[in-house]
């Protein structure tokens, strides 16, 4: 079974930075970061497809950067200028095909999540 394992979350003060990583057990056409805050719906925030095209939700544009290392099957999310509203559980997700964008609703694989808390 495909596994995605997130890491890098933690507690950071507003204005600080964190870099999340997602180790994947294989190649995936589309990979993304989603987050879910307490009492909120899951929200797609960044995605990247097989040729490196990226998309971001407006709330993180200019602050977050999604990237991947295909050789290592690893996805990253560099988060800068963090705000308290960024506090959430962050999940890595992957799909073998279809549209690759933040609003995508169907994801084939999920990681366990890593908590990001901004104070």
PDB file of N, CA and C in Angstrom:
ATOM      1  N   UNK A   1       0.838  -1.185   0.000  1.00  0.00           N
ATOM      2  CA  UNK A   1       0.000   0.000   0.000  1.00  0.00           C
ATOM      3  C   UNK A   1       0.881   1.247   0.000  1.00  0.00           C
ATOM      4  N   UNK A   2       0.428   2.275  -0.725  1.00  0.00           N
ATOM      5  CA  UNK A   2       1.168   3.521  -0.807  1.00  0.00           C
ATOM      6  C   UNK A   2       1.151   4.213   0.547  1.00  0.00           C
ATOM      7  N   UNK A   3       2.308   4.714   0.937  1.00  0.00           N
ATOM      8  CA  UNK A   3       2.418   5.439   2.188  1.00  0.00           C
ATOM      9  C   UNK A   3       2.960   6.841   1.958  1.00  0.00           C
ATOM     10  N   UNK A   4       2.396   7.788   2.674  1.00  0.00           N
ATOM     11  CA  UNK A   4       2.866   9.163   2.685  1.00  0.00           C
ATOM     12  C   UNK A   4       3.094   9.535   4.142  1.00  0.00           C
ATOM     13  N   UNK A   5       4.266  10.041   4.442  1.00  0.00           N
ATOM     14  CA  UNK A   5       4.609  10.360   5.821  1.00  0.00           C
ATOM     15  C   UNK A   5       5.086  11.797   5.914  1.00  0.00           C
ATOM     16  N   UNK A   6       4.315  12.615   6.626  1.00  0.00           N
ATOM     17  CA  UNK A   6       4.660  14.019   6.802  1.00  0.00           C
ATOM     18  C   UNK A   6       5.549  14.204   8.026  1.00  0.00           C
ATOM     19  N   UNK A   7       6.353  15.252   7.971  1.00  0.00           N
ATOM     20  CA  UNK A   7       7.176  15.625   9.107  1.00  0.00           C
ATOM     21  C   UNK A   7       7.497  17.110   9.014  1.00  0.00           C
ATOM     22  N   UNK A   8       8.005  17.668  10.091  1.00  0.00           N
ATOM     23  CA  UNK A   8       8.444  19.053  10.087  1.00  0.00           C
ATOM     24  C   UNK A   8       7.541  20.033  10.792  1.00  0.00           C
ATOM     25  N   UNK A   9       6.393  19.585  11.241  1.00  0.00           N
ATOM     26  CA  UNK A   9       5.494  20.474  11.948  1.00  0.00           C
ATOM     27  C   UNK A   9       6.029  20.819  13.322  1.00  0.00           C
ATOM     28  N   UNK A  10       5.383  21.786  13.949  1.00  0.00           N
ATOM     29  CA  UNK A  10       5.804  22.193  15.268  1.00  0.00           C
ATOM     30  C   UNK A  10       5.160  23.487  15.679  1.00  0.00           C
ATOM     31  N   UNK A  11       5.690  24.048  16.750  1.00  0.00           N
ATOM     32  CA  UNK A  11       5.205  25.313  17.289  1.00  0.00           C
ATOM     33  C   UNK A  11       6.139  26.433  16.862  1.00  0.00           C
ATOM     34  N   UNK A  12       5.572  27.488  16.310  1.00  0.00           N
ATOM     35  CA  UNK A  12       6.367  28.612  15.847  1.00  0.00           C
ATOM     36  C   UNK A  12       5.619  29.910  16.126  1.00  0.00           C
ATOM     37  N   UNK A  13       6.364  30.965  16.380  1.00  0.00           N
ATOM     38  CA  UNK A  13       5.754  32.270  16.594  1.00  0.00           C
ATOM     39  C   UNK A  13       5.349  32.905  15.274  1.00  0.00           C
ATOM     40  N   UNK A  14       4.353  33.768  15.340  1.00  0.00           N
ATOM     41  CA  UNK A  14       3.915  34.485  14.148  1.00  0.00           C
ATOM     42  C   UNK A  14       5.096  35.183  13.488  1.00  0.00           C
ATOM     43  N   UNK A  15       5.150  35.086  12.169  1.00  0.00           N
ATOM     44  CA  UNK A  15       6.253  35.653  11.422  1.00  0.00           C
ATOM     45  C   UNK A  15       7.385  34.678  11.164  1.00  0.00           C
ATOM     46  N   UNK A  16       7.338  33.543  11.820  1.00  0.00           N
ATOM     47  CA  UNK A  16       8.378  32.544  11.668  1.00  0.00           C
ATOM     48  C   UNK A  16       8.169  31.652  10.469  1.00  0.00           C
ATOM     49  N   UNK A  17       9.037  30.652  10.346  1.00  0.00           N
ATOM     50  CA  UNK A  17       9.010  29.746   9.200  1.00  0.00           C
ATOM     51  C   UNK A  17       9.098  28.294   9.630  1.00  0.00           C
ATOM     52  N   UNK A  18       8.545  27.431   8.797  1.00  0.00           N
ATOM     53  CA  UNK A  18       8.662  25.995   8.956  1.00  0.00           C
ATOM     54  C   UNK A  18       8.776  25.373   7.574  1.00  0.00           C
ATOM     55  N   UNK A  19       9.419  24.232   7.506  1.00  0.00           N
ATOM     56  CA  UNK A  19       9.518  23.482   6.264  1.00  0.00           C
ATOM     57  C   UNK A  19       8.981  22.082   6.507  1.00  0.00           C
ATOM     58  N   UNK A  20       7.883  21.751   5.846  1.00  0.00           N
ATOM     59  CA  UNK A  20       7.282  20.444   5.971  1.00  0.00           C
ATOM     60  C   UNK A  20       7.807  19.514   4.881  1.00  0.00           C
ATOM     61  N   UNK A  21       7.899  18.250   5.204  1.00  0.00           N
ATOM     62  CA  UNK A  21       8.323  17.250   4.244  1.00  0.00           C
ATOM     63  C   UNK A  21       7.312  16.121   4.194  1.00  0.00           C
ATOM     64  N   UNK A  22       7.198  15.496   3.043  1.00  0.00           N
ATOM     65  CA  UNK A  22       6.328  14.342   2.854  1.00  0.00           C
ATOM     66  C   UNK A  22       7.099  13.296   2.083  1.00  0.00           C
ATOM     67  N   UNK A  23       7.403  12.207   2.739  1.00  0.00           N
ATOM     68  CA  UNK A  23       8.102  11.100   2.100  1.00  0.00           C
ATOM     69  C   UNK A  23       7.072  10.145   1.511  1.00  0.00           C
ATOM     70  N   UNK A  24       7.152   9.924   0.205  1.00  0.00           N
ATOM     71  CA  UNK A  24       6.190   9.084  -0.493  1.00  0.00           C
ATOM     72  C   UNK A  24       6.824   7.786  -0.956  1.00  0.00           C
ATOM     73  N   UNK A  25       6.042   6.723  -0.934  1.00  0.00           N
ATOM     74  CA  UNK A  25       6.516   5.412  -1.366  1.00  0.00           C
ATOM     75  C   UNK A  25       6.273   5.212  -2.856  1.00  0.00           C
ATOM     76  N   UNK A  26       6.860   6.088  -3.657  1.00  0.00           N
ATOM     77  CA  UNK A  26       6.725   5.973  -5.090  1.00  0.00           C
ATOM     78  C   UNK A  26       6.403   7.301  -5.749  1.00  0.00           C
ATOM     79  N   UNK A  27       6.365   7.265  -7.063  1.00  0.00           N
ATOM     80  CA  UNK A  27       6.066   8.465  -7.836  1.00  0.00           C
ATOM     81  C   UNK A  27       4.562   8.682  -7.944  1.00  0.00           C
ATOM     82  N   UNK A  28       4.165   9.948  -7.920  1.00  0.00           N
ATOM     83  CA  UNK A  28       2.756  10.305  -8.090  1.00  0.00           C
ATOM     84  C   UNK A  28       2.639  11.484  -9.036  1.00  0.00           C
ATOM     85  N   UNK A  29       1.644  11.429  -9.901  1.00  0.00           N
ATOM     86  CA  UNK A  29       1.420  12.486 -10.889  1.00  0.00           C
ATOM     87  C   UNK A  29       1.145  13.827 -10.231  1.00  0.00           C
ATOM     88  N   UNK A  30       0.333  13.802  -9.212  1.00  0.00           N
ATOM     89  CA  UNK A  30      -0.076  15.024  -8.544  1.00  0.00           C
ATOM     90  C   UNK A  30       0.103  14.873  -7.042  1.00  0.00           C
ATOM     91  N   UNK A  31       0.713  15.862  -6.440  1.00  0.00           N
ATOM     92  CA  UNK A  31       0.861  15.862  -5.004  1.00  0.00           C
ATOM     93  C   UNK A  31       0.449  17.225  -4.461  1.00  0.00           C
ATOM     94  N   UNK A  32      -0.007  17.214  -3.236  1.00  0.00           N
ATOM     95  CA  UNK A  32      -0.546  18.444  -2.676  1.00  0.00           C
ATOM     96  C   UNK A  32      -0.424  18.469  -1.164  1.00  0.00           C
ATOM     97  N   UNK A  33      -0.551  19.665  -0.650  1.00  0.00           N
ATOM     98  CA  UNK A  33      -0.667  19.878   0.786  1.00  0.00           C
ATOM     99  C   UNK A  33      -2.062  20.398   1.081  1.00  0.00           C
ATOM    100  N   UNK A  34      -2.688  19.808   2.066  1.00  0.00           N
ATOM    101  CA  UNK A  34      -3.979  20.261   2.553  1.00  0.00           C
ATOM    102  C   UNK A  34      -3.868  20.464   4.051  1.00  0.00           C
ATOM    103  N   UNK A  35      -4.781  21.247   4.586  1.00  0.00           N
ATOM    104  CA  UNK A  35      -4.757  21.471   6.023  1.00  0.00           C
ATOM    105  C   UNK A  35      -6.170  21.515   6.577  1.00  0.00           C
ATOM    106  N   UNK A  36      -6.268  21.217   7.845  1.00  0.00           N
ATOM    107  CA  UNK A  36      -7.551  21.258   8.512  1.00  0.00           C
ATOM    108  C   UNK A  36      -7.366  21.847   9.902  1.00  0.00           C
ATOM    109  N   UNK A  37      -8.000  22.982  10.118  1.00  0.00           N
ATOM    110  CA  UNK A  37      -7.980  23.632  11.418  1.00  0.00           C
ATOM    111  C   UNK A  37      -9.154  23.117  12.245  1.00  0.00           C
ATOM    112  N   UNK A  38      -9.070  23.224  13.573  1.00  0.00           N
ATOM    113  CA  UNK A  38     -10.174  22.770  14.419  1.00  0.00           C
ATOM    114  C   UNK A  38     -11.490  23.423  14.028  1.00  0.00           C
ATOM    115  N   UNK A  39     -12.518  22.614  13.830  1.00  0.00           N
ATOM    116  CA  UNK A  39     -13.823  23.129  13.475  1.00  0.00           C
ATOM    117  C   UNK A  39     -13.967  23.585  12.044  1.00  0.00           C
ATOM    118  N   UNK A  40     -12.948  23.395  11.236  1.00  0.00           N
ATOM    119  CA  UNK A  40     -12.970  23.832   9.845  1.00  0.00           C
ATOM    120  C   UNK A  40     -12.939  22.640   8.897  1.00  0.00           C
ATOM    121  N   UNK A  41     -13.354  22.887   7.665  1.00  0.00           N
ATOM    122  CA  UNK A  41     -13.269  21.863   6.631  1.00  0.00           C
ATOM    123  C   UNK A  41     -11.841  21.759   6.121  1.00  0.00           C
ATOM    124  N   UNK A  42     -11.507  20.606   5.594  1.00  0.00           N
ATOM    125  CA  UNK A  42     -10.210  20.404   4.986  1.00  0.00           C
ATOM    126  C   UNK A  42     -10.045  21.347   3.801  1.00  0.00           C
ATOM    127  N   UNK A  43      -8.885  21.954   3.695  1.00  0.00           N
ATOM    128  CA  UNK A  43      -8.627  22.946   2.668  1.00  0.00           C
ATOM    129  C   UNK A  43      -7.347  22.612   1.911  1.00  0.00           C
ATOM    130  N   UNK A  44      -7.444  22.519   0.596  1.00  0.00           N
ATOM    131  CA  UNK A  44      -6.260  22.354  -0.221  1.00  0.00           C
ATOM    132  C   UNK A  44      -5.534  23.682  -0.319  1.00  0.00           C
ATOM    133  N   UNK A  45      -4.232  23.692  -0.071  1.00  0.00           N
ATOM    134  CA  UNK A  45      -3.512  24.953  -0.071  1.00  0.00           C
ATOM    135  C   UNK A  45      -2.427  25.047  -1.138  1.00  0.00           C
ATOM    136  N   UNK A  46      -1.892  23.923  -1.577  1.00  0.00           N
ATOM    137  CA  UNK A  46      -0.842  23.957  -2.587  1.00  0.00           C
ATOM    138  C   UNK A  46      -0.763  22.621  -3.296  1.00  0.00           C
ATOM    139  N   UNK A  47      -0.462  22.645  -4.586  1.00  0.00           N
ATOM    140  CA  UNK A  47      -0.324  21.417  -5.356  1.00  0.00           C
ATOM    141  C   UNK A  47       0.788  21.569  -6.371  1.00  0.00           C
ATOM    142  N   UNK A  48       1.315  20.440  -6.800  1.00  0.00           N
ATOM    143  CA  UNK A  48       2.336  20.429  -7.841  1.00  0.00           C
ATOM    144  C   UNK A  48       2.146  19.186  -8.692  1.00  0.00           C
ATOM    145  N   UNK A  49       2.220  19.336 -10.022  1.00  0.00           N
ATOM    146  CA  UNK A  49       2.031  18.197 -10.897  1.00  0.00           C
ATOM    147  C   UNK A  49       3.363  17.626 -11.355  1.00  0.00           C
ATOM    148  N   UNK A  50       3.283  16.676 -12.285  1.00  0.00           N
ATOM    149  CA  UNK A  50       4.469  15.928 -12.694  1.00  0.00           C
ATOM    150  C   UNK A  50       5.535  16.761 -13.393  1.00  0.00           C
ATOM    151  N   UNK A  51       5.146  17.893 -13.976  1.00  0.00           N
ATOM    152  CA  UNK A  51       6.132  18.735 -14.649  1.00  0.00           C
ATOM    153  C   UNK A  51       6.434  20.004 -13.870  1.00  0.00           C
ATOM    154  N   UNK A  52       6.000  20.043 -12.614  1.00  0.00           N
ATOM    155  CA  UNK A  52       6.361  21.145 -11.755  1.00  0.00           C
ATOM    156  C   UNK A  52       5.410  22.321 -11.720  1.00  0.00           C
ATOM    157  N   UNK A  53       4.271  22.211 -12.375  1.00  0.00           N
ATOM    158  CA  UNK A  53       3.302  23.298 -12.331  1.00  0.00           C
ATOM    159  C   UNK A  53       2.651  23.337 -10.960  1.00  0.00           C
ATOM    160  N   UNK A  54       2.566  24.513 -10.393  1.00  0.00           N
ATOM    161  CA  UNK A  54       2.061  24.665  -9.038  1.00  0.00           C
ATOM    162  C   UNK A  54       0.797  25.508  -8.987  1.00  0.00           C
ATOM    163  N   UNK A  55       0.043  25.318  -7.934  1.00  0.00           N
ATOM    164  CA  UNK A  55      -1.106  26.154  -7.667  1.00  0.00           C
ATOM    165  C   UNK A  55      -1.188  26.378  -6.170  1.00  0.00           C
ATOM    166  N   UNK A  56      -1.749  27.519  -5.777  1.00  0.00           N
ATOM    167  CA  UNK A  56      -1.852  27.879  -4.374  1.00  0.00           C
ATOM    168  C   UNK A  56      -3.199  28.508  -4.090  1.00  0.00           C
ATOM    169  N   UNK A  57      -3.685  28.276  -2.898  1.00  0.00           N
ATOM    170  CA  UNK A  57      -4.865  28.985  -2.459  1.00  0.00           C
ATOM    171  C   UNK A  57      -4.438  30.414  -2.121  1.00  0.00           C
ATOM    172  N   UNK A  58      -5.339  31.362  -2.323  1.00  0.00           N
ATOM    173  CA  UNK A  58      -4.987  32.772  -2.169  1.00  0.00           C
ATOM    174  C   UNK A  58      -4.381  33.108  -0.806  1.00  0.00           C
ATOM    175  N   UNK A  59      -4.849  32.469   0.232  1.00  0.00           N
ATOM    176  CA  UNK A  59      -4.411  32.812   1.575  1.00  0.00           C
ATOM    177  C   UNK A  59      -2.937  32.517   1.850  1.00  0.00           C
ATOM    178  N   UNK A  60      -2.308  31.685   1.022  1.00  0.00           N
ATOM    179  CA  UNK A  60      -0.902  31.356   1.249  1.00  0.00           C
ATOM    180  C   UNK A  60       0.013  31.845   0.139  1.00  0.00           C
ATOM    181  N   UNK A  61      -0.528  32.410  -0.914  1.00  0.00           N
ATOM    182  CA  UNK A  61       0.288  32.897  -2.019  1.00  0.00           C
ATOM    183  C   UNK A  61       1.291  33.935  -1.535  1.00  0.00           C
ATOM    184  N   UNK A  62       2.516  33.791  -1.983  1.00  0.00           N
ATOM    185  CA  UNK A  62       3.563  34.706  -1.592  1.00  0.00           C
ATOM    186  C   UNK A  62       4.234  34.349  -0.288  1.00  0.00           C
ATOM    187  N   UNK A  63       3.662  33.418   0.456  1.00  0.00           N
ATOM    188  CA  UNK A  63       4.230  33.009   1.737  1.00  0.00           C
ATOM    189  C   UNK A  63       4.691  31.550   1.736  1.00  0.00           C
ATOM    190  N   UNK A  64       3.932  30.695   1.062  1.00  0.00           N
ATOM    191  CA  UNK A  64       4.239  29.262   1.023  1.00  0.00           C
ATOM    192  C   UNK A  64       4.754  28.874  -0.356  1.00  0.00           C
ATOM    193  N   UNK A  65       5.640  27.910  -0.379  1.00  0.00           N
ATOM    194  CA  UNK A  65       6.165  27.390  -1.629  1.00  0.00           C
ATOM    195  C   UNK A  65       6.165  25.868  -1.596  1.00  0.00           C
ATOM    196  N   UNK A  66       5.497  25.254  -2.572  1.00  0.00           N
ATOM    197  CA  UNK A  66       5.500  23.807  -2.680  1.00  0.00           C
ATOM    198  C   UNK A  66       6.585  23.393  -3.668  1.00  0.00           C
ATOM    199  N   UNK A  67       7.266  22.327  -3.363  1.00  0.00           N
ATOM    200  CA  UNK A  67       8.306  21.824  -4.246  1.00  0.00           C
ATOM    201  C   UNK A  67       8.444  20.325  -4.042  1.00  0.00           C
ATOM    202  N   UNK A  68       9.167  19.678  -4.937  1.00  0.00           N
ATOM    203  CA  UNK A  68       9.365  18.246  -4.803  1.00  0.00           C
ATOM    204  C   UNK A  68      10.727  17.824  -5.321  1.00  0.00           C
ATOM    205  N   UNK A  69      11.193  16.731  -4.790  1.00  0.00           N
ATOM    206  CA  UNK A  69      12.433  16.115  -5.224  1.00  0.00           C
ATOM    207  C   UNK A  69      12.039  14.746  -5.761  1.00  0.00           C
ATOM    208  N   UNK A  70      11.947  14.629  -7.074  1.00  0.00           N
ATOM    209  CA  UNK A  70      11.492  13.382  -7.681  1.00  0.00           C
ATOM    210  C   UNK A  70      12.419  12.205  -7.387  1.00  0.00           C
ATOM    211  N   UNK A  71      13.707  12.476  -7.325  1.00  0.00           N
ATOM    212  CA  UNK A  71      14.661  11.407  -7.054  1.00  0.00           C
ATOM    213  C   UNK A  71      14.454  10.802  -5.680  1.00  0.00           C
ATOM    214  N   UNK A  72      14.007  11.620  -4.743  1.00  0.00           N
ATOM    215  CA  UNK A  72      13.787  11.152  -3.377  1.00  0.00           C
ATOM    216  C   UNK A  72      12.323  10.854  -3.073  1.00  0.00           C
ATOM    217  N   UNK A  73      11.455  11.074  -4.061  1.00  0.00           N
ATOM    218  CA  UNK A  73      10.011  10.912  -3.856  1.00  0.00           C
ATOM    219  C   UNK A  73       9.543  11.676  -2.625  1.00  0.00           C
ATOM    220  N   UNK A  74       9.995  12.908  -2.536  1.00  0.00           N
ATOM    221  CA  UNK A  74       9.697  13.726  -1.372  1.00  0.00           C
ATOM    222  C   UNK A  74       9.083  15.055  -1.782  1.00  0.00           C
ATOM    223  N   UNK A  75       8.038  15.426  -1.095  1.00  0.00           N
ATOM    224  CA  UNK A  75       7.341  16.684  -1.304  1.00  0.00           C
ATOM    225  C   UNK A  75       7.663  17.620  -0.151  1.00  0.00           C
ATOM    226  N   UNK A  76       7.756  18.917  -0.448  1.00  0.00           N
ATOM    227  CA  UNK A  76       8.075  19.899   0.575  1.00  0.00           C
ATOM    228  C   UNK A  76       7.079  21.045   0.561  1.00  0.00           C
ATOM    229  N   UNK A  77       6.955  21.680   1.700  1.00  0.00           N
ATOM    230  CA  UNK A  77       6.196  22.913   1.793  1.00  0.00           C
ATOM    231  C   UNK A  77       6.983  23.876   2.669  1.00  0.00           C
ATOM    232  N   UNK A  78       7.540  24.899   2.046  1.00  0.00           N
ATOM    233  CA  UNK A  78       8.231  25.944   2.781  1.00  0.00           C
ATOM    234  C   UNK A  78       7.208  26.994   3.168  1.00  0.00           C
ATOM    235  N   UNK A  79       7.076  27.229   4.448  1.00  0.00           N
ATOM    236  CA  UNK A  79       6.093  28.166   4.962  1.00  0.00           C
ATOM    237  C   UNK A  79       6.812  29.319   5.640  1.00  0.00           C
ATOM    238  N   UNK A  80       6.639  30.509   5.108  1.00  0.00           N
ATOM    239  CA  UNK A  80       7.239  31.708   5.662  1.00  0.00           C
ATOM    240  C   UNK A  80       6.159  32.675   6.114  1.00  0.00           C
ATOM    241  N   UNK A  81       6.562  33.640   6.919  1.00  0.00           N
ATOM    242  CA  UNK A  81       5.635  34.664   7.416  1.00  0.00           C
ATOM    243  C   UNK A  81       4.369  34.037   7.979  1.00  0.00           C
ATOM    244  N   UNK A  82       4.547  33.054   8.814  1.00  0.00           N
ATOM    245  CA  UNK A  82       3.409  32.316   9.349  1.00  0.00           C
ATOM    246  C   UNK A  82       2.520  33.189  10.217  1.00  0.00           C
ATOM    247  N   UNK A  83       1.238  32.912  10.130  1.00  0.00           N
ATOM    248  CA  UNK A  83       0.220  33.639  10.865  1.00  0.00           C
ATOM    249  C   UNK A  83      -0.542  32.681  11.763  1.00  0.00           C
ATOM    250  N   UNK A  84      -1.151  33.189  12.835  1.00  0.00           N
ATOM    251  CA  UNK A  84      -1.935  32.305  13.703  1.00  0.00           C
ATOM    252  C   UNK A  84      -3.008  31.526  12.940  1.00  0.00           C
ATOM    253  N   UNK A  85      -3.585  32.112  11.905  1.00  0.00           N
ATOM    254  CA  UNK A  85      -4.603  31.423  11.134  1.00  0.00           C
ATOM    255  C   UNK A  85      -4.064  30.273  10.293  1.00  0.00           C
ATOM    256  N   UNK A  86      -2.754  30.119  10.245  1.00  0.00           N
ATOM    257  CA  UNK A  86      -2.154  28.975   9.574  1.00  0.00           C
ATOM    258  C   UNK A  86      -2.142  27.742  10.464  1.00  0.00           C
ATOM    259  N   UNK A  87      -2.500  27.904  11.716  1.00  0.00           N
ATOM    260  CA  UNK A  87      -2.525  26.783  12.646  1.00  0.00           C
ATOM    261  C   UNK A  87      -3.500  25.718  12.158  1.00  0.00           C
ATOM    262  N   UNK A  88      -3.006  24.508  11.978  1.00  0.00           N
ATOM    263  CA  UNK A  88      -3.824  23.418  11.452  1.00  0.00           C
ATOM    264  C   UNK A  88      -3.010  22.136  11.427  1.00  0.00           C
ATOM    265  N   UNK A  89      -3.705  21.044  11.175  1.00  0.00           N
ATOM    266  CA  UNK A  89      -3.031  19.796  10.854  1.00  0.00           C
ATOM    267  C   UNK A  89      -2.783  19.814   9.351  1.00  0.00           C
ATOM    268  N   UNK A  90      -1.552  19.604   8.961  1.00  0.00           N
ATOM    269  CA  UNK A  90      -1.183  19.629   7.553  1.00  0.00           C
ATOM    270  C   UNK A  90      -0.989  18.218   7.025  1.00  0.00           C
ATOM    271  N   UNK A  91      -1.620  17.942   5.896  1.00  0.00           N
ATOM    272  CA  UNK A  91      -1.592  16.621   5.296  1.00  0.00           C
ATOM    273  C   UNK A  91      -0.986  16.650   3.905  1.00  0.00           C
ATOM    274  N   UNK A  92      -0.274  15.623   3.592  1.00  0.00           N
ATOM    275  CA  UNK A  92       0.225  15.382   2.250  1.00  0.00           C
ATOM    276  C   UNK A  92      -0.748  14.451   1.550  1.00  0.00           C
ATOM    277  N   UNK A  93      -1.044  14.730   0.281  1.00  0.00           N
ATOM    278  CA  UNK A  93      -1.945  13.886  -0.487  1.00  0.00           C
ATOM    279  C   UNK A  93      -1.391  13.666  -1.887  1.00  0.00           C
ATOM    280  N   UNK A  94      -1.817  12.579  -2.518  1.00  0.00           N
ATOM    281  CA  UNK A  94      -1.328  12.250  -3.847  1.00  0.00           C
ATOM    282  C   UNK A  94      -2.421  11.621  -4.692  1.00  0.00           C
ATOM    283  N   UNK A  95      -2.284  11.781  -6.015  1.00  0.00           N
ATOM    284  CA  UNK A  95      -3.218  11.204  -6.963  1.00  0.00           C
ATOM    285  C   UNK A  95      -2.465  10.774  -8.213  1.00  0.00           C
ATOM    286  N   UNK A  96      -2.899   9.690  -8.867  1.00  0.00           N
ATOM    287  CA  UNK A  96      -2.207   9.193 -10.052  1.00  0.00           C
ATOM    288  C   UNK A  96      -2.545   9.929 -11.339  1.00  0.00           C
ATOM    289  N   UNK A  97      -3.598  10.723 -11.333  1.00  0.00           N
ATOM    290  CA  UNK A  97      -3.997  11.432 -12.530  1.00  0.00           C
ATOM    291  C   UNK A  97      -5.096  12.426 -12.240  1.00  0.00           C
ATOM    292  N   UNK A  98      -5.677  12.957 -13.311  1.00  0.00           N
ATOM    293  CA  UNK A  98      -6.720  13.944 -13.168  1.00  0.00           C
ATOM    294  C   UNK A  98      -6.151  15.333 -12.979  1.00  0.00           C
ATOM    295  N   UNK A  99      -7.037  16.286 -12.750  1.00  0.00           N
ATOM    296  CA  UNK A  99      -6.593  17.644 -12.543  1.00  0.00           C
ATOM    297  C   UNK A  99      -5.760  17.790 -11.287  1.00  0.00           C
ATOM    298  N   UNK A 100      -4.733  18.606 -11.365  1.00  0.00           N
ATOM    299  CA  UNK A 100      -3.853  18.822 -10.228  1.00  0.00           C
ATOM    300  C   UNK A 100      -3.933  20.291  -9.841  1.00  0.00           C
ATOM    301  N   UNK A 101      -4.721  20.555  -8.828  1.00  0.00           N
ATOM    302  CA  UNK A 101      -4.949  21.912  -8.379  1.00  0.00           C
ATOM    303  C   UNK A 101      -5.452  21.870  -6.944  1.00  0.00           C
ATOM    304  N   UNK A 102      -5.387  23.004  -6.277  1.00  0.00           N
ATOM    305  CA  UNK A 102      -5.719  23.033  -4.858  1.00  0.00           C
ATOM    306  C   UNK A 102      -7.161  22.669  -4.558  1.00  0.00           C
ATOM    307  N   UNK A 103      -8.068  22.948  -5.499  1.00  0.00           N
ATOM    308  CA  UNK A 103      -9.477  22.672  -5.285  1.00  0.00           C
ATOM    309  C   UNK A 103      -9.894  21.232  -5.531  1.00  0.00           C
ATOM    310  N   UNK A 104      -8.970  20.412  -5.960  1.00  0.00           N
ATOM    311  CA  UNK A 104      -9.281  19.015  -6.195  1.00  0.00           C
ATOM    312  C   UNK A 104      -9.841  18.370  -4.931  1.00  0.00           C
ATOM    313  N   UNK A 105     -10.864  17.547  -5.097  1.00  0.00           N
ATOM    314  CA  UNK A 105     -11.515  16.922  -3.950  1.00  0.00           C
ATOM    315  C   UNK A 105     -11.171  15.453  -3.766  1.00  0.00           C
ATOM    316  N   UNK A 106     -10.808  14.785  -4.828  1.00  0.00           N
ATOM    317  CA  UNK A 106     -10.488  13.367  -4.749  1.00  0.00           C
ATOM    318  C   UNK A 106      -8.979  13.150  -4.703  1.00  0.00           C
ATOM    319  N   UNK A 107      -8.540  12.552  -3.640  1.00  0.00           N
ATOM    320  CA  UNK A 107      -7.143  12.189  -3.477  1.00  0.00           C
ATOM    321  C   UNK A 107      -7.062  10.712  -3.143  1.00  0.00           C
ATOM    322  N   UNK A 108      -6.167  10.020  -3.789  1.00  0.00           N
ATOM    323  CA  UNK A 108      -6.065   8.577  -3.625  1.00  0.00           C
ATOM    324  C   UNK A 108      -5.331   8.167  -2.358  1.00  0.00           C
ATOM    325  N   UNK A 109      -4.367   8.979  -1.957  1.00  0.00           N
ATOM    326  CA  UNK A 109      -3.540   8.626  -0.820  1.00  0.00           C
ATOM    327  C   UNK A 109      -3.363   9.811   0.110  1.00  0.00           C
ATOM    328  N   UNK A 110      -3.239   9.489   1.388  1.00  0.00           N
ATOM    329  CA  UNK A 110      -3.095  10.499   2.428  1.00  0.00           C
ATOM    330  C   UNK A 110      -2.020  10.111   3.421  1.00  0.00           C
ATOM    331  N   UNK A 111      -1.380  11.117   3.966  1.00  0.00           N
ATOM    332  CA  UNK A 111      -0.465  10.890   5.065  1.00  0.00           C
ATOM    333  C   UNK A 111      -1.203  11.018   6.388  1.00  0.00           C
ATOM    334  N   UNK A 112      -0.477  10.861   7.468  1.00  0.00           N
ATOM    335  CA  UNK A 112      -1.085  10.911   8.795  1.00  0.00           C
ATOM    336  C   UNK A 112      -1.225  12.324   9.337  1.00  0.00           C
ATOM    337  N   UNK A 113      -0.548  13.269   8.720  1.00  0.00           N
ATOM    338  CA  UNK A 113      -0.624  14.653   9.132  1.00  0.00           C
ATOM    339  C   UNK A 113       0.485  15.060  10.075  1.00  0.00           C
ATOM    340  N   UNK A 114       0.804  16.346  10.058  1.00  0.00           N
ATOM    341  CA  UNK A 114       1.755  16.924  10.991  1.00  0.00           C
ATOM    342  C   UNK A 114       1.182  18.255  11.473  1.00  0.00           C
ATOM    343  N   UNK A 115       1.231  18.464  12.770  1.00  0.00           N
ATOM    344  CA  UNK A 115       0.599  19.636  13.361  1.00  0.00           C
ATOM    345  C   UNK A 115       1.485  20.864  13.253  1.00  0.00           C
ATOM    346  N   UNK A 116       0.885  21.963  12.815  1.00  0.00           N
ATOM    347  CA  UNK A 116       1.551  23.260  12.780  1.00  0.00           C
ATOM    348  C   UNK A 116       0.764  24.207  13.672  1.00  0.00           C
ATOM    349  N   UNK A 117       1.439  24.785  14.643  1.00  0.00           N
ATOM    350  CA  UNK A 117       0.792  25.711  15.555  1.00  0.00           C
ATOM    351  C   UNK A 117       1.559  27.027  15.539  1.00  0.00           C
ATOM    352  N   UNK A 118       0.857  28.105  15.235  1.00  0.00           N
ATOM    353  CA  UNK A 118       1.459  29.434  15.166  1.00  0.00           C
ATOM    354  C   UNK A 118       0.848  30.287  16.262  1.00  0.00           C
ATOM    355  N   UNK A 119       1.687  30.838  17.107  1.00  0.00           N
ATOM    356  CA  UNK A 119       1.214  31.631  18.232  1.00  0.00           C
ATOM    357  C   UNK A 119       1.679  33.071  18.158  1.00  0.00           C
TER     358      UNK A 119
END
